Amino acid sequence: MQDIGVDVIAFPTSGTSEDVALLLADAHAAEVVVAVGMHATLLEFLDRDRAGTASTFLVRLKLGGKLVDAKAASRLHRSRISAGALLLLVFVTLVAVGVIFALAADGRAWTAMIAGWWDQVYAWAKGLVQ
């Protein structure tokens, strides 16, 4: 077997793998732990087998407010990019692509063809209004 240089540490535990993952995150001073796919509701918690229930309860008690469900995290997070800034970014990108397209040798022929189509659409729309 090829050695890839990864050190392995075994964690003998009577808890679940979820518990070990949460304890590792807490041991490495995580400010927030977002739980994705873990048992979140009380019914899911009580519906599990009895072997891991006590350890799961104690681990969640230890993490306290650090543990956040993925749904709650997505609801609390607000996008920092406004719609206006996003539209401006799309517009600037289209202008840049248009300039590059117009300056290319093959792009000039395409630009003339697209301009012809635009003139036809404009004339058609103008005819509808009049």
Protein backbone atom coordinates (compact mmCIF):
# COMPACT_ATOMS: atom_id res chain seq x y z
CA MET A 1 0.00 0.00 0.00
CA GLN A 2 1.31 3.45 -0.90
CA ASP A 3 2.07 5.89 1.91
CA ILE A 4 0.39 9.24 1.14
CA GLY A 5 1.68 11.04 4.22
CA VAL A 6 -1.56 11.33 6.18
CA ASP A 7 -1.43 10.67 9.88
CA VAL A 8 -4.35 8.66 11.19
CA ILE A 9 -5.74 9.07 14.67
CA ALA A 10 -8.28 6.58 16.00
CA PHE A 11 -11.07 7.86 18.24
CA PRO A 12 -12.44 5.01 20.32
CA THR A 13 -15.80 6.23 21.54
CA SER A 14 -19.15 4.93 22.68
CA GLY A 15 -20.91 7.85 20.95
CA THR A 16 -21.81 8.39 17.33
CA SER A 17 -19.65 9.72 14.53
CA GLU A 18 -21.72 12.94 14.67
CA ASP A 19 -20.71 13.35 18.30
CA VAL A 20 -17.01 12.92 17.48
CA ALA A 21 -17.23 15.44 14.64
CA LEU A 22 -18.91 18.00 16.91
CA LEU A 23 -16.38 17.44 19.69
CA LEU A 24 -13.49 17.85 17.23
CA ALA A 25 -14.94 21.13 15.96
CA ASP A 26 -15.33 22.32 19.56
CA ALA A 27 -11.81 21.19 20.49
CA HIS A 28 -10.38 23.28 17.64
CA ALA A 29 -12.17 26.41 18.92
CA ALA A 30 -14.83 26.72 16.22
CA GLU A 31 -16.92 29.84 16.77
CA VAL A 32 -19.97 28.41 15.00
CA VAL A 33 -20.72 24.82 14.00
CA VAL A 34 -23.32 24.47 11.24
CA ALA A 35 -25.00 21.06 11.36
CA VAL A 36 -25.95 19.73 7.93
CA GLY A 37 -27.97 16.52 7.80
CA MET A 38 -27.86 15.90 11.52
CA HIS A 39 -30.84 15.10 13.67
CA ALA A 40 -32.30 18.49 14.49
CA THR A 41 -35.79 18.08 15.91
CA LEU A 42 -36.79 16.50 19.19
CA LEU A 43 -38.73 13.75 17.40
CA GLU A 44 -35.68 12.82 15.31
CA PHE A 45 -33.56 12.85 18.43
CA LEU A 46 -35.90 10.57 20.40
CA ASP A 47 -36.59 8.27 17.43
CA ARG A 48 -32.95 7.10 17.27
CA ASP A 49 -31.62 3.94 18.83
CA ARG A 50 -30.87 4.18 22.53
CA ALA A 51 -27.12 3.59 22.14
CA GLY A 52 -26.15 7.11 21.02
CA THR A 53 -28.91 9.19 22.54
CA ALA A 54 -27.18 10.06 25.83
CA SER A 55 -23.86 10.97 24.21
CA THR A 56 -25.62 13.08 21.58
CA PHE A 57 -27.53 14.94 24.27
CA LEU A 58 -24.35 15.63 26.26
CA VAL A 59 -22.37 16.75 23.21
CA ARG A 60 -25.11 19.15 22.14
CA LEU A 61 -25.32 20.44 25.69
CA LYS A 62 -21.56 21.05 25.65
CA LEU A 63 -21.62 22.95 22.34
CA GLY A 64 -24.65 25.01 23.36
CA GLY A 65 -25.15 28.09 21.21
CA LYS A 66 -22.26 27.24 18.90
CA LEU A 67 -24.34 24.56 17.19
CA VAL A 68 -26.64 25.95 14.50
CA ASP A 69 -28.85 24.01 12.11
CA ALA A 70 -28.21 24.57 8.38
CA LYS A 71 -31.76 25.85 7.80
CA ALA A 72 -31.37 28.43 10.54
CA ALA A 73 -27.96 29.50 9.22
CA SER A 74 -29.33 30.00 5.71
CA ARG A 75 -32.22 32.06 7.05
CA LEU A 76 -29.95 34.24 9.17
CA HIS A 77 -27.43 34.90 6.42
CA ARG A 78 -28.11 37.92 4.23
CA SER A 79 -26.46 38.43 0.89
CA ARG A 80 -24.09 41.39 0.86
CA ILE A 81 -24.52 41.96 -2.87
CA SER A 82 -27.46 44.16 -3.80
CA ALA A 83 -29.55 43.56 -6.90
CA GLY A 84 -28.34 46.85 -8.40
CA ALA A 85 -24.71 45.87 -7.99
CA LEU A 86 -25.39 42.48 -9.57
CA LEU A 87 -27.16 44.09 -12.55
CA LEU A 88 -24.26 46.52 -12.95
CA LEU A 89 -21.82 43.61 -12.96
CA VAL A 90 -23.82 41.81 -15.66
CA PHE A 91 -24.03 45.00 -17.75
CA VAL A 92 -20.29 45.71 -17.49
CA THR A 93 -19.53 42.10 -18.40
CA LEU A 94 -21.76 42.28 -21.47
CA VAL A 95 -20.15 45.55 -22.54
CA ALA A 96 -16.66 44.06 -22.13
CA VAL A 97 -17.61 40.97 -24.15
CA GLY A 98 -19.19 43.21 -26.80
CA VAL A 99 -16.05 45.36 -27.10
CA ILE A 100 -13.82 42.29 -27.40
CA PHE A 101 -16.22 40.78 -29.90
CA ALA A 102 -16.34 43.98 -31.99
CA LEU A 103 -12.55 44.34 -32.09
CA ALA A 104 -11.87 40.77 -33.20
CA ALA A 105 -11.47 40.15 -36.95
CA ASP A 106 -14.35 37.68 -37.15
CA GLY A 107 -16.25 39.67 -34.57
CA ARG A 108 -16.76 42.63 -36.92
CA ALA A 109 -18.79 40.50 -39.34
CA TRP A 110 -20.85 39.10 -36.48
CA THR A 111 -21.31 42.59 -35.04
CA ALA A 112 -22.62 43.85 -38.40
CA MET A 113 -25.00 40.90 -38.63
CA ILE A 114 -26.29 41.41 -35.07
CA ALA A 115 -26.68 45.15 -35.74
CA GLY A 116 -28.77 44.27 -38.82
CA TRP A 117 -30.98 41.99 -36.72
CA TRP A 118 -31.33 44.72 -34.11
CA ASP A 119 -32.40 47.21 -36.80
CA GLN A 120 -35.01 44.72 -38.07
CA VAL A 121 -36.38 44.16 -34.54
CA TYR A 122 -36.43 47.93 -33.91
CA ALA A 123 -38.29 48.58 -37.19
CA TRP A 124 -40.78 45.80 -36.39
CA ALA A 125 -41.42 47.18 -32.88
CA LYS A 126 -41.73 50.72 -34.24
CA GLY A 127 -44.32 49.46 -36.75
CA LEU A 128 -46.37 47.95 -33.91
CA VAL A 129 -46.48 51.23 -32.02
CA GLN A 130 -47.45 53.39 -35.00
